[in-house]
N, C-alpha and C. Protein backbone atom coordinates (compact mmCIF):
# COMPACT_ATOMS: atom_id res chain seq x y z
N MET A 1 -11.21 25.74 -18.06
CA MET A 1 -10.33 25.00 -17.14
C MET A 1 -11.08 23.79 -16.60
N SER A 2 -10.49 22.61 -16.73
CA SER A 2 -11.15 21.39 -16.27
C SER A 2 -11.06 21.26 -14.76
N VAL A 3 -12.05 20.58 -14.19
CA VAL A 3 -12.08 20.33 -12.75
C VAL A 3 -11.58 18.92 -12.49
N PRO A 4 -10.57 18.76 -11.63
CA PRO A 4 -10.08 17.40 -11.34
C PRO A 4 -11.19 16.50 -10.82
N VAL A 5 -11.13 15.24 -11.22
CA VAL A 5 -12.16 14.26 -10.88
C VAL A 5 -11.51 13.03 -10.24
N LEU A 6 -12.11 12.54 -9.17
CA LEU A 6 -11.63 11.30 -8.56
C LEU A 6 -12.01 10.13 -9.47
N ARG A 7 -11.03 9.41 -9.98
CA ARG A 7 -11.28 8.29 -10.87
C ARG A 7 -11.40 6.96 -10.13
N SER A 8 -10.58 6.76 -9.11
CA SER A 8 -10.64 5.49 -8.38
C SER A 8 -9.90 5.63 -7.06
N ALA A 9 -10.22 4.72 -6.15
CA ALA A 9 -9.53 4.63 -4.86
C ALA A 9 -9.19 3.17 -4.60
N HIS A 10 -8.05 2.94 -3.96
CA HIS A 10 -7.55 1.59 -3.77
C HIS A 10 -6.92 1.45 -2.39
N VAL A 11 -7.11 0.27 -1.80
CA VAL A 11 -6.37 -0.08 -0.59
C VAL A 11 -5.63 -1.38 -0.84
N TYR A 12 -4.62 -1.61 -0.02
CA TYR A 12 -3.77 -2.79 -0.11
C TYR A 12 -3.75 -3.41 1.29
N PRO A 13 -4.71 -4.30 1.58
CA PRO A 13 -4.82 -4.82 2.95
C PRO A 13 -3.52 -5.42 3.47
N VAL A 14 -2.79 -6.13 2.58
CA VAL A 14 -1.46 -6.65 2.92
C VAL A 14 -0.47 -5.95 2.00
N LYS A 15 0.52 -5.31 2.57
CA LYS A 15 1.50 -4.57 1.78
C LYS A 15 2.09 -5.46 0.69
N SER A 16 2.08 -4.94 -0.55
CA SER A 16 2.66 -5.58 -1.73
C SER A 16 1.82 -6.71 -2.32
N LEU A 17 0.68 -7.05 -1.70
CA LEU A 17 -0.24 -7.97 -2.34
C LEU A 17 -1.16 -7.18 -3.28
N ALA A 18 -2.06 -7.87 -3.96
CA ALA A 18 -2.92 -7.23 -4.96
C ALA A 18 -3.75 -6.11 -4.35
N ALA A 19 -4.07 -5.13 -5.20
CA ALA A 19 -4.89 -3.99 -4.79
C ALA A 19 -6.35 -4.39 -4.68
N ARG A 20 -7.10 -3.62 -3.92
CA ARG A 20 -8.55 -3.78 -3.81
C ARG A 20 -9.19 -2.44 -4.09
N ALA A 21 -9.99 -2.35 -5.15
CA ALA A 21 -10.67 -1.11 -5.49
C ALA A 21 -11.82 -0.86 -4.52
N CYS A 22 -12.07 0.43 -4.20
CA CYS A 22 -13.10 0.80 -3.24
C CYS A 22 -14.06 1.80 -3.87
N ASP A 23 -15.35 1.57 -3.70
CA ASP A 23 -16.34 2.59 -4.09
C ASP A 23 -16.36 3.71 -3.07
N THR A 24 -16.28 3.35 -1.80
CA THR A 24 -16.17 4.32 -0.71
C THR A 24 -15.17 3.76 0.29
N VAL A 25 -14.50 4.66 1.00
CA VAL A 25 -13.54 4.21 2.01
C VAL A 25 -13.36 5.32 3.04
N ALA A 26 -13.26 4.94 4.29
CA ALA A 26 -13.04 5.91 5.37
C ALA A 26 -11.58 6.35 5.37
N VAL A 27 -11.36 7.60 5.77
CA VAL A 27 -10.01 8.15 5.87
C VAL A 27 -9.63 8.24 7.34
N GLU A 28 -8.51 7.62 7.69
CA GLU A 28 -8.01 7.66 9.06
C GLU A 28 -6.74 8.53 9.09
N PRO A 29 -6.28 8.96 10.24
CA PRO A 29 -5.10 9.83 10.28
C PRO A 29 -3.85 9.20 9.65
N TRP A 30 -3.75 7.88 9.67
CA TRP A 30 -2.55 7.20 9.17
C TRP A 30 -2.77 6.61 7.77
N GLY A 31 -3.91 6.89 7.13
CA GLY A 31 -4.16 6.39 5.79
C GLY A 31 -5.59 5.94 5.61
N LEU A 32 -5.89 5.34 4.46
CA LEU A 32 -7.24 4.84 4.22
C LEU A 32 -7.52 3.63 5.11
N ASP A 33 -8.76 3.48 5.48
CA ASP A 33 -9.16 2.38 6.37
C ASP A 33 -8.78 1.03 5.76
N GLY A 34 -8.00 0.25 6.50
CA GLY A 34 -7.60 -1.08 6.05
C GLY A 34 -6.43 -1.12 5.11
N ASP A 35 -5.78 0.02 4.86
CA ASP A 35 -4.67 0.05 3.92
C ASP A 35 -3.34 -0.29 4.59
N ARG A 36 -2.70 -1.35 4.12
CA ARG A 36 -1.35 -1.73 4.54
C ARG A 36 -1.22 -1.86 6.05
N ARG A 37 -2.15 -2.60 6.64
CA ARG A 37 -2.05 -2.91 8.06
C ARG A 37 -1.36 -4.25 8.29
N TRP A 38 -1.17 -5.05 7.22
CA TRP A 38 -0.47 -6.32 7.27
C TRP A 38 0.74 -6.26 6.36
N MET A 39 1.73 -7.11 6.64
CA MET A 39 2.95 -7.11 5.84
C MET A 39 3.66 -8.46 5.99
N LEU A 40 4.44 -8.83 5.01
CA LEU A 40 5.27 -10.03 5.09
C LEU A 40 6.69 -9.64 5.45
N VAL A 41 7.34 -10.51 6.25
CA VAL A 41 8.75 -10.32 6.58
C VAL A 41 9.49 -11.64 6.33
N ASP A 42 10.81 -11.54 6.14
CA ASP A 42 11.62 -12.73 5.90
C ASP A 42 12.17 -13.27 7.22
N LYS A 43 13.08 -14.24 7.13
CA LYS A 43 13.63 -14.88 8.34
C LYS A 43 14.38 -13.90 9.22
N ALA A 44 14.89 -12.81 8.61
CA ALA A 44 15.62 -11.80 9.38
C ALA A 44 14.71 -10.67 9.85
N ALA A 45 13.39 -10.86 9.71
CA ALA A 45 12.39 -9.87 10.12
C ALA A 45 12.49 -8.57 9.33
N ARG A 46 12.88 -8.69 8.06
CA ARG A 46 12.90 -7.53 7.16
C ARG A 46 11.70 -7.60 6.22
N ALA A 47 11.14 -6.44 5.90
CA ALA A 47 9.95 -6.39 5.05
C ALA A 47 10.22 -7.06 3.70
N VAL A 48 9.24 -7.84 3.24
CA VAL A 48 9.28 -8.47 1.92
C VAL A 48 8.24 -7.77 1.05
N THR A 49 8.68 -7.21 -0.07
CA THR A 49 7.78 -6.51 -0.98
C THR A 49 7.96 -7.07 -2.39
N GLN A 50 7.23 -6.50 -3.33
CA GLN A 50 7.37 -6.93 -4.72
C GLN A 50 8.75 -6.62 -5.29
N ARG A 51 9.50 -5.77 -4.63
CA ARG A 51 10.88 -5.52 -5.08
C ARG A 51 11.70 -6.80 -5.00
N GLN A 52 11.46 -7.60 -3.94
CA GLN A 52 12.16 -8.88 -3.80
C GLN A 52 11.35 -10.04 -4.37
N GLN A 53 10.03 -9.97 -4.27
CA GLN A 53 9.16 -11.08 -4.66
C GLN A 53 8.03 -10.56 -5.56
N PRO A 54 8.28 -10.40 -6.87
CA PRO A 54 7.22 -9.91 -7.77
C PRO A 54 5.96 -10.77 -7.75
N SER A 55 6.09 -12.06 -7.40
CA SER A 55 4.93 -12.95 -7.40
C SER A 55 3.91 -12.60 -6.31
N LEU A 56 4.26 -11.69 -5.40
CA LEU A 56 3.29 -11.23 -4.42
C LEU A 56 2.06 -10.61 -5.09
N ALA A 57 2.25 -10.08 -6.29
CA ALA A 57 1.13 -9.43 -6.99
C ALA A 57 0.02 -10.42 -7.33
N ARG A 58 0.31 -11.73 -7.33
CA ARG A 58 -0.70 -12.73 -7.67
C ARG A 58 -1.52 -13.17 -6.45
N ILE A 59 -1.16 -12.70 -5.27
CA ILE A 59 -1.87 -13.07 -4.05
C ILE A 59 -2.81 -11.92 -3.67
N ALA A 60 -4.05 -12.25 -3.34
CA ALA A 60 -5.04 -11.25 -2.97
C ALA A 60 -5.40 -11.39 -1.50
N ALA A 61 -5.79 -10.27 -0.90
CA ALA A 61 -6.24 -10.26 0.50
C ALA A 61 -7.52 -9.45 0.58
N GLU A 62 -8.58 -10.10 1.02
CA GLU A 62 -9.88 -9.44 1.18
C GLU A 62 -10.09 -9.11 2.65
N PRO A 63 -10.37 -7.84 3.00
CA PRO A 63 -10.57 -7.49 4.41
C PRO A 63 -11.75 -8.23 5.01
N LEU A 64 -11.63 -8.58 6.27
CA LEU A 64 -12.70 -9.25 7.01
C LEU A 64 -13.11 -8.38 8.19
N PRO A 65 -14.34 -8.52 8.68
CA PRO A 65 -14.73 -7.79 9.89
C PRO A 65 -13.78 -8.12 11.04
N GLY A 66 -13.44 -7.11 11.79
CA GLY A 66 -12.54 -7.31 12.92
C GLY A 66 -11.08 -7.16 12.58
N GLY A 67 -10.78 -6.81 11.31
CA GLY A 67 -9.39 -6.54 10.95
C GLY A 67 -8.65 -7.70 10.32
N GLY A 68 -9.28 -8.86 10.18
CA GLY A 68 -8.62 -9.99 9.53
C GLY A 68 -8.62 -9.87 8.02
N VAL A 69 -8.05 -10.86 7.36
CA VAL A 69 -8.01 -10.88 5.89
C VAL A 69 -8.26 -12.30 5.40
N LEU A 70 -8.83 -12.40 4.21
CA LEU A 70 -9.01 -13.67 3.52
C LEU A 70 -7.99 -13.72 2.39
N LEU A 71 -7.02 -14.64 2.49
CA LEU A 71 -5.96 -14.75 1.50
C LEU A 71 -6.35 -15.73 0.40
N SER A 72 -6.02 -15.39 -0.84
CA SER A 72 -6.27 -16.30 -1.96
C SER A 72 -5.15 -16.17 -2.97
N ALA A 73 -4.83 -17.30 -3.63
CA ALA A 73 -3.78 -17.33 -4.65
C ALA A 73 -4.09 -18.48 -5.60
N PRO A 74 -3.70 -18.36 -6.87
CA PRO A 74 -3.94 -19.45 -7.83
C PRO A 74 -3.34 -20.77 -7.34
N GLY A 75 -4.16 -21.83 -7.35
CA GLY A 75 -3.67 -23.15 -6.97
C GLY A 75 -3.69 -23.44 -5.49
N PHE A 76 -4.20 -22.50 -4.66
CA PHE A 76 -4.22 -22.71 -3.21
C PHE A 76 -5.64 -22.46 -2.68
N PRO A 77 -6.07 -23.26 -1.71
CA PRO A 77 -7.36 -22.97 -1.08
C PRO A 77 -7.25 -21.66 -0.29
N ALA A 78 -8.33 -20.89 -0.27
CA ALA A 78 -8.32 -19.62 0.45
C ALA A 78 -8.08 -19.87 1.94
N LEU A 79 -7.46 -18.91 2.58
CA LEU A 79 -7.17 -19.01 4.02
C LEU A 79 -7.71 -17.79 4.73
N ARG A 80 -8.50 -18.03 5.76
CA ARG A 80 -9.04 -16.96 6.59
C ARG A 80 -8.07 -16.68 7.73
N VAL A 81 -7.62 -15.44 7.83
CA VAL A 81 -6.68 -15.04 8.89
C VAL A 81 -7.40 -14.01 9.76
N GLU A 82 -7.66 -14.37 10.99
CA GLU A 82 -8.33 -13.44 11.90
C GLU A 82 -7.32 -12.41 12.41
N GLY A 83 -7.86 -11.29 12.89
CA GLY A 83 -6.99 -10.29 13.51
C GLY A 83 -6.23 -10.92 14.66
N PRO A 84 -4.90 -10.80 14.68
CA PRO A 84 -4.10 -11.51 15.69
C PRO A 84 -4.40 -11.02 17.10
N GLU A 85 -4.44 -11.96 18.01
CA GLU A 85 -4.61 -11.64 19.43
C GLU A 85 -3.63 -12.43 20.27
N SER A 86 -2.57 -12.89 19.63
CA SER A 86 -1.62 -13.75 20.33
C SER A 86 -0.73 -12.97 21.28
N GLY A 87 -0.53 -11.69 21.00
CA GLY A 87 0.40 -10.91 21.80
C GLY A 87 1.85 -11.18 21.46
N ARG A 88 2.12 -12.03 20.44
CA ARG A 88 3.51 -12.28 20.03
C ARG A 88 3.97 -11.12 19.17
N MET A 89 4.87 -10.33 19.72
CA MET A 89 5.33 -9.13 19.02
C MET A 89 6.70 -9.38 18.39
N LEU A 90 6.94 -8.73 17.27
CA LEU A 90 8.18 -8.92 16.53
C LEU A 90 8.68 -7.55 16.08
N THR A 91 9.96 -7.30 16.31
CA THR A 91 10.58 -6.06 15.84
C THR A 91 11.07 -6.27 14.41
N VAL A 92 10.54 -5.48 13.48
CA VAL A 92 10.83 -5.70 12.06
C VAL A 92 11.46 -4.45 11.46
N GLU A 93 12.13 -4.65 10.32
CA GLU A 93 12.72 -3.54 9.55
C GLU A 93 11.86 -3.28 8.33
N LEU A 94 11.44 -2.03 8.19
CA LEU A 94 10.70 -1.58 7.01
C LEU A 94 11.43 -0.38 6.45
N HIS A 95 12.19 -0.62 5.37
CA HIS A 95 13.05 0.41 4.81
C HIS A 95 13.99 0.92 5.92
N ARG A 96 13.94 2.17 6.26
CA ARG A 96 14.85 2.69 7.30
C ARG A 96 14.22 2.70 8.69
N ASP A 97 12.99 2.19 8.79
CA ASP A 97 12.28 2.22 10.07
C ASP A 97 12.38 0.88 10.79
N THR A 98 12.30 0.94 12.11
CA THR A 98 12.15 -0.24 12.94
C THR A 98 10.78 -0.15 13.61
N VAL A 99 9.96 -1.18 13.43
CA VAL A 99 8.57 -1.14 13.90
C VAL A 99 8.27 -2.43 14.67
N VAL A 100 7.55 -2.30 15.77
CA VAL A 100 7.11 -3.47 16.54
C VAL A 100 5.71 -3.85 16.05
N LEU A 101 5.59 -5.08 15.52
CA LEU A 101 4.33 -5.55 14.96
C LEU A 101 3.94 -6.88 15.61
N GLU A 102 2.67 -7.25 15.42
CA GLU A 102 2.16 -8.48 16.02
C GLU A 102 2.13 -9.60 14.98
N GLU A 103 2.57 -10.78 15.38
CA GLU A 103 2.59 -11.91 14.46
C GLU A 103 1.21 -12.50 14.26
N ALA A 104 0.94 -12.91 13.01
CA ALA A 104 -0.29 -13.62 12.69
C ALA A 104 -0.20 -15.07 13.18
N PRO A 105 -1.30 -15.80 13.16
CA PRO A 105 -1.25 -17.23 13.51
C PRO A 105 -0.32 -18.00 12.58
N GLY A 106 0.21 -19.11 13.07
CA GLY A 106 1.21 -19.87 12.33
C GLY A 106 0.74 -20.40 10.99
N ASP A 107 -0.56 -20.72 10.84
CA ASP A 107 -1.00 -21.25 9.56
C ASP A 107 -0.90 -20.22 8.45
N ALA A 108 -0.95 -18.94 8.80
CA ALA A 108 -0.77 -17.88 7.79
C ALA A 108 0.66 -17.88 7.28
N HIS A 109 1.63 -18.06 8.18
CA HIS A 109 3.04 -18.14 7.76
C HIS A 109 3.23 -19.31 6.79
N ASP A 110 2.67 -20.45 7.16
CA ASP A 110 2.85 -21.66 6.33
C ASP A 110 2.21 -21.48 4.95
N TRP A 111 1.01 -20.94 4.91
CA TRP A 111 0.28 -20.76 3.65
C TRP A 111 1.05 -19.83 2.71
N LEU A 112 1.48 -18.70 3.24
CA LEU A 112 2.18 -17.73 2.41
C LEU A 112 3.55 -18.24 1.98
N SER A 113 4.23 -18.95 2.86
CA SER A 113 5.54 -19.52 2.49
C SER A 113 5.39 -20.52 1.36
N ALA A 114 4.33 -21.34 1.42
CA ALA A 114 4.10 -22.31 0.36
C ALA A 114 3.73 -21.61 -0.95
N ALA A 115 2.91 -20.56 -0.88
CA ALA A 115 2.49 -19.85 -2.08
C ALA A 115 3.66 -19.15 -2.76
N LEU A 116 4.64 -18.70 -1.97
CA LEU A 116 5.78 -17.96 -2.52
C LEU A 116 7.01 -18.83 -2.76
N GLY A 117 7.05 -20.00 -2.14
CA GLY A 117 8.21 -20.86 -2.29
C GLY A 117 9.41 -20.39 -1.49
N THR A 118 9.17 -19.57 -0.47
CA THR A 118 10.25 -19.11 0.40
C THR A 118 9.65 -18.79 1.77
N GLU A 119 10.46 -18.90 2.80
CA GLU A 119 9.95 -18.72 4.16
C GLU A 119 9.65 -17.26 4.46
N VAL A 120 8.40 -16.99 4.83
CA VAL A 120 7.99 -15.64 5.23
C VAL A 120 7.07 -15.75 6.43
N ARG A 121 6.88 -14.63 7.11
CA ARG A 121 5.92 -14.53 8.19
C ARG A 121 5.00 -13.34 7.92
N LEU A 122 3.77 -13.45 8.40
CA LEU A 122 2.79 -12.39 8.26
C LEU A 122 2.68 -11.64 9.58
N VAL A 123 2.78 -10.32 9.51
CA VAL A 123 2.71 -9.49 10.73
C VAL A 123 1.68 -8.39 10.54
N HIS A 124 1.23 -7.84 11.66
CA HIS A 124 0.09 -6.92 11.67
C HIS A 124 0.41 -5.68 12.48
N LEU A 125 0.02 -4.52 11.95
CA LEU A 125 0.16 -3.26 12.67
C LEU A 125 -1.04 -3.11 13.60
N ASP A 126 -0.83 -3.43 14.86
CA ASP A 126 -1.94 -3.46 15.80
C ASP A 126 -2.33 -2.09 16.32
N GLU A 127 -1.39 -1.15 16.40
CA GLU A 127 -1.66 0.17 16.98
C GLU A 127 -1.15 1.26 16.03
N PRO A 128 -1.89 1.56 14.96
CA PRO A 128 -1.40 2.56 14.00
C PRO A 128 -1.31 3.97 14.58
N SER A 129 -1.97 4.21 15.69
CA SER A 129 -1.97 5.55 16.25
C SER A 129 -0.64 5.97 16.85
N HIS A 130 0.28 5.00 17.08
CA HIS A 130 1.55 5.42 17.69
C HIS A 130 2.75 4.54 17.31
N ARG A 131 2.59 3.55 16.44
CA ARG A 131 3.70 2.64 16.16
C ARG A 131 4.76 3.25 15.23
N ARG A 132 4.32 4.05 14.23
CA ARG A 132 5.27 4.43 13.18
C ARG A 132 5.08 5.90 12.78
N PRO A 133 5.92 6.80 13.25
CA PRO A 133 5.80 8.22 12.89
C PRO A 133 6.19 8.47 11.44
N VAL A 134 5.56 9.48 10.84
CA VAL A 134 5.96 9.96 9.52
C VAL A 134 7.29 10.70 9.66
N ASP A 135 8.09 10.70 8.60
CA ASP A 135 9.35 11.44 8.56
C ASP A 135 9.10 12.87 9.04
N PRO A 136 9.75 13.31 10.14
CA PRO A 136 9.46 14.63 10.70
C PRO A 136 9.80 15.78 9.77
N LEU A 137 10.62 15.55 8.75
CA LEU A 137 10.92 16.61 7.79
C LEU A 137 9.70 16.98 6.95
N PHE A 138 8.71 16.08 6.88
CA PHE A 138 7.55 16.30 6.04
C PHE A 138 6.25 16.06 6.80
N ALA A 139 6.26 16.31 8.10
CA ALA A 139 5.08 15.99 8.90
C ALA A 139 4.96 16.93 10.09
N ARG A 140 3.80 16.88 10.70
CA ARG A 140 3.59 17.58 11.96
C ARG A 140 3.85 16.62 13.11
N PRO A 141 4.17 17.13 14.29
CA PRO A 141 4.35 16.24 15.44
C PRO A 141 3.11 15.37 15.66
N GLY A 142 3.32 14.09 15.83
CA GLY A 142 2.22 13.17 16.08
C GLY A 142 1.66 12.52 14.83
N ASP A 143 2.09 12.94 13.63
CA ASP A 143 1.60 12.30 12.41
C ASP A 143 2.13 10.87 12.32
N MET A 144 1.24 9.94 12.01
CA MET A 144 1.59 8.53 11.92
C MET A 144 1.26 7.99 10.54
N VAL A 145 1.85 6.86 10.21
CA VAL A 145 1.59 6.21 8.93
C VAL A 145 1.46 4.71 9.18
N SER A 146 0.73 4.05 8.30
CA SER A 146 0.57 2.60 8.37
C SER A 146 1.87 1.93 7.91
N LEU A 147 1.77 0.79 7.23
CA LEU A 147 2.97 0.11 6.71
C LEU A 147 3.23 0.49 5.25
N ALA A 148 2.65 1.61 4.80
CA ALA A 148 3.00 2.16 3.49
C ALA A 148 4.47 2.57 3.49
N ASP A 149 5.04 2.77 2.32
CA ASP A 149 6.48 3.06 2.26
C ASP A 149 6.86 4.26 3.11
N GLY A 150 6.05 5.33 3.09
CA GLY A 150 6.47 6.48 3.88
C GLY A 150 5.36 7.41 4.33
N TYR A 151 4.23 7.44 3.60
CA TYR A 151 3.21 8.45 3.87
C TYR A 151 1.82 7.83 3.80
N PRO A 152 0.82 8.47 4.41
CA PRO A 152 -0.50 7.84 4.51
C PRO A 152 -1.24 7.64 3.19
N LEU A 153 -0.92 8.42 2.16
CA LEU A 153 -1.69 8.35 0.92
C LEU A 153 -0.76 8.59 -0.26
N LEU A 154 -0.96 7.82 -1.34
CA LEU A 154 -0.23 8.05 -2.59
C LEU A 154 -1.25 8.42 -3.67
N VAL A 155 -1.04 9.59 -4.29
CA VAL A 155 -1.94 10.11 -5.32
C VAL A 155 -1.25 10.07 -6.67
N THR A 156 -1.96 9.61 -7.70
CA THR A 156 -1.46 9.66 -9.07
C THR A 156 -2.54 10.30 -9.95
N THR A 157 -2.13 10.69 -11.18
CA THR A 157 -3.08 11.27 -12.12
C THR A 157 -2.99 10.53 -13.45
N THR A 158 -4.14 10.41 -14.10
CA THR A 158 -4.18 9.71 -15.38
C THR A 158 -3.39 10.45 -16.45
N SER A 159 -3.41 11.78 -16.42
CA SER A 159 -2.71 12.55 -17.46
C SER A 159 -1.20 12.37 -17.36
N SER A 160 -0.67 12.28 -16.14
CA SER A 160 0.77 12.08 -16.00
C SER A 160 1.18 10.69 -16.47
N LEU A 161 0.34 9.69 -16.22
CA LEU A 161 0.64 8.35 -16.72
C LEU A 161 0.64 8.35 -18.25
N GLU A 162 -0.33 9.03 -18.86
CA GLU A 162 -0.37 9.11 -20.33
C GLU A 162 0.87 9.80 -20.87
N ALA A 163 1.31 10.87 -20.20
CA ALA A 163 2.51 11.58 -20.63
C ALA A 163 3.75 10.70 -20.48
N LEU A 164 3.83 9.96 -19.37
CA LEU A 164 4.95 9.05 -19.17
C LEU A 164 5.00 7.99 -20.26
N ASN A 165 3.86 7.41 -20.57
CA ASN A 165 3.83 6.37 -21.60
C ASN A 165 4.17 6.93 -22.98
N ALA A 166 3.83 8.18 -23.24
CA ALA A 166 4.22 8.81 -24.51
C ALA A 166 5.74 8.97 -24.56
N LEU A 167 6.35 9.33 -23.44
CA LEU A 167 7.81 9.46 -23.39
C LEU A 167 8.49 8.11 -23.60
N ILE A 168 7.93 7.07 -22.99
CA ILE A 168 8.50 5.73 -23.16
C ILE A 168 8.40 5.30 -24.62
N ALA A 169 7.24 5.54 -25.24
CA ALA A 169 7.04 5.14 -26.63
C ALA A 169 8.00 5.84 -27.57
N ALA A 170 8.39 7.08 -27.23
CA ALA A 170 9.28 7.85 -28.08
C ALA A 170 10.75 7.66 -27.71
N GLY A 171 11.04 6.86 -26.70
CA GLY A 171 12.40 6.72 -26.20
C GLY A 171 13.16 5.57 -26.83
N ASP A 172 14.26 5.20 -26.18
CA ASP A 172 15.16 4.18 -26.71
C ASP A 172 14.62 2.76 -26.52
N ARG A 173 13.69 2.57 -25.54
CA ARG A 173 13.19 1.22 -25.25
C ARG A 173 11.67 1.25 -25.19
N PRO A 174 11.01 1.49 -26.31
CA PRO A 174 9.55 1.58 -26.31
C PRO A 174 8.87 0.29 -25.87
N GLU A 175 9.59 -0.84 -25.95
CA GLU A 175 8.98 -2.12 -25.55
C GLU A 175 8.70 -2.17 -24.05
N GLU A 176 9.26 -1.25 -23.27
CA GLU A 176 9.01 -1.23 -21.83
C GLU A 176 7.64 -0.65 -21.47
N GLY A 177 6.95 -0.08 -22.44
CA GLY A 177 5.64 0.49 -22.17
C GLY A 177 4.56 -0.18 -23.01
N PRO A 178 3.34 0.25 -22.85
CA PRO A 178 2.88 1.24 -21.86
C PRO A 178 2.74 0.63 -20.47
N LEU A 179 2.96 1.45 -19.46
CA LEU A 179 2.83 1.00 -18.08
C LEU A 179 1.39 1.19 -17.61
N PRO A 180 0.82 0.22 -16.91
CA PRO A 180 -0.52 0.39 -16.34
C PRO A 180 -0.45 1.19 -15.04
N MET A 181 -1.57 1.78 -14.65
CA MET A 181 -1.60 2.58 -13.43
C MET A 181 -1.26 1.75 -12.20
N ASP A 182 -1.66 0.48 -12.18
CA ASP A 182 -1.42 -0.31 -10.97
C ASP A 182 0.06 -0.59 -10.73
N ARG A 183 0.90 -0.32 -11.72
CA ARG A 183 2.35 -0.45 -11.52
C ARG A 183 2.83 0.47 -10.40
N PHE A 184 2.11 1.58 -10.19
CA PHE A 184 2.54 2.59 -9.22
C PHE A 184 1.83 2.46 -7.88
N ARG A 185 0.87 1.54 -7.78
CA ARG A 185 0.20 1.20 -6.52
C ARG A 185 -0.34 2.43 -5.79
N PRO A 186 -1.16 3.24 -6.49
CA PRO A 186 -1.71 4.43 -5.83
C PRO A 186 -2.88 4.10 -4.93
N ASN A 187 -3.15 5.00 -3.97
CA ASN A 187 -4.39 4.94 -3.22
C ASN A 187 -5.50 5.70 -3.93
N VAL A 188 -5.14 6.80 -4.57
CA VAL A 188 -6.12 7.66 -5.20
C VAL A 188 -5.64 8.01 -6.60
N VAL A 189 -6.52 7.86 -7.60
CA VAL A 189 -6.21 8.22 -8.98
C VAL A 189 -7.14 9.37 -9.39
N ILE A 190 -6.55 10.45 -9.89
CA ILE A 190 -7.29 11.65 -10.25
C ILE A 190 -7.19 11.90 -11.74
N GLY A 191 -8.30 12.26 -12.36
CA GLY A 191 -8.34 12.58 -13.78
C GLY A 191 -8.68 14.03 -14.03
N GLU A 192 -8.67 14.41 -15.31
CA GLU A 192 -9.02 15.77 -15.74
C GLU A 192 -8.05 16.82 -15.21
N THR A 193 -6.76 16.54 -15.27
CA THR A 193 -5.74 17.53 -14.92
C THR A 193 -4.73 17.61 -16.06
N GLU A 194 -3.88 18.63 -16.01
CA GLU A 194 -2.75 18.69 -16.91
C GLU A 194 -1.70 17.69 -16.44
N ALA A 195 -0.91 17.16 -17.36
CA ALA A 195 0.18 16.26 -16.96
C ALA A 195 1.14 16.97 -16.02
N TRP A 196 1.52 16.28 -14.97
CA TRP A 196 2.47 16.74 -13.96
C TRP A 196 1.93 17.88 -13.09
N ALA A 197 0.64 18.18 -13.20
CA ALA A 197 0.07 19.25 -12.36
C ALA A 197 0.27 18.96 -10.88
N GLU A 198 0.25 17.69 -10.52
CA GLU A 198 0.37 17.32 -9.10
C GLU A 198 1.70 17.73 -8.50
N ASP A 199 2.71 17.97 -9.34
CA ASP A 199 4.02 18.39 -8.81
C ASP A 199 3.93 19.72 -8.07
N GLY A 200 2.95 20.53 -8.40
CA GLY A 200 2.81 21.83 -7.75
C GLY A 200 1.71 21.90 -6.71
N TRP A 201 1.01 20.79 -6.48
CA TRP A 201 -0.07 20.81 -5.50
C TRP A 201 0.47 20.90 -4.08
N ARG A 202 -0.22 21.66 -3.24
CA ARG A 202 0.13 21.75 -1.82
C ARG A 202 -0.99 21.22 -0.93
N ARG A 203 -2.24 21.39 -1.37
CA ARG A 203 -3.39 20.84 -0.66
C ARG A 203 -4.40 20.37 -1.68
N ILE A 204 -5.08 19.27 -1.39
CA ILE A 204 -6.18 18.81 -2.24
C ILE A 204 -7.35 18.44 -1.33
N ALA A 205 -8.54 18.50 -1.88
CA ALA A 205 -9.74 18.10 -1.14
C ALA A 205 -10.51 17.09 -1.97
N ILE A 206 -10.91 16.02 -1.35
CA ILE A 206 -11.76 15.01 -1.97
C ILE A 206 -13.03 14.94 -1.14
N GLY A 207 -14.13 15.45 -1.70
CA GLY A 207 -15.33 15.60 -0.90
C GLY A 207 -15.06 16.57 0.22
N GLU A 208 -15.34 16.16 1.44
CA GLU A 208 -15.14 17.03 2.59
C GLU A 208 -13.81 16.81 3.29
N VAL A 209 -12.97 15.94 2.73
CA VAL A 209 -11.70 15.60 3.36
C VAL A 209 -10.57 16.34 2.68
N ALA A 210 -9.79 17.10 3.43
CA ALA A 210 -8.65 17.86 2.89
C ALA A 210 -7.35 17.14 3.24
N PHE A 211 -6.42 17.18 2.30
CA PHE A 211 -5.12 16.55 2.48
C PHE A 211 -4.01 17.55 2.20
N THR A 212 -2.95 17.49 2.97
CA THR A 212 -1.74 18.24 2.69
C THR A 212 -0.82 17.38 1.84
N VAL A 213 -0.28 17.94 0.77
CA VAL A 213 0.63 17.21 -0.11
C VAL A 213 2.05 17.36 0.44
N ALA A 214 2.64 16.25 0.86
CA ALA A 214 3.93 16.30 1.53
C ALA A 214 5.08 16.47 0.53
N LYS A 215 5.14 15.61 -0.47
CA LYS A 215 6.28 15.61 -1.39
C LYS A 215 5.99 14.67 -2.56
N PRO A 216 6.72 14.84 -3.67
CA PRO A 216 6.58 13.86 -4.77
C PRO A 216 7.13 12.51 -4.37
N CYS A 217 6.62 11.47 -5.00
CA CYS A 217 7.09 10.11 -4.75
C CYS A 217 8.09 9.74 -5.86
């Protein structure tokens, strides 16, 4: 029987922007350190993700000390965005949630709007300890999440991706594959398992950190 192995870990400093691979990363109650603490919203203060703007994948955000990010995109000079301290708060919609977030400085809005060709604003989750509760059907009282879609951590396995790609290759539209792992934007990628083994997991441990498995994604 093979022993599952941690293959990689990833954070997304700005939701829906490019991933950042991590050799080591701290685990916080609401997710990995620095994961999805920033997000883009449109003129109506609704979350903007790759579902609406696939070109977000071409923009990278490098974490900075103090919670800021360094933004970069092809054809644009990099922009340093410090952790906001303006106190300008904005009520935004993220899927079915309403969250109060802090606005970034105005030059960040301008830079990102120019890079995407549409008006957006950059907002920051200033207080992850109490801003956004996890769905109570799959959580304990007091459980919180960052600006991830619903839960603090997303786990995938290499064997399930291989099985999925085999199904696509044998299906009616093989040209749609193979899909890369980053298509699923995981935080943690695990190898050396049977395909779909994760569907039956209830708890996993990575090093000394234990996680409860809430539900399939």
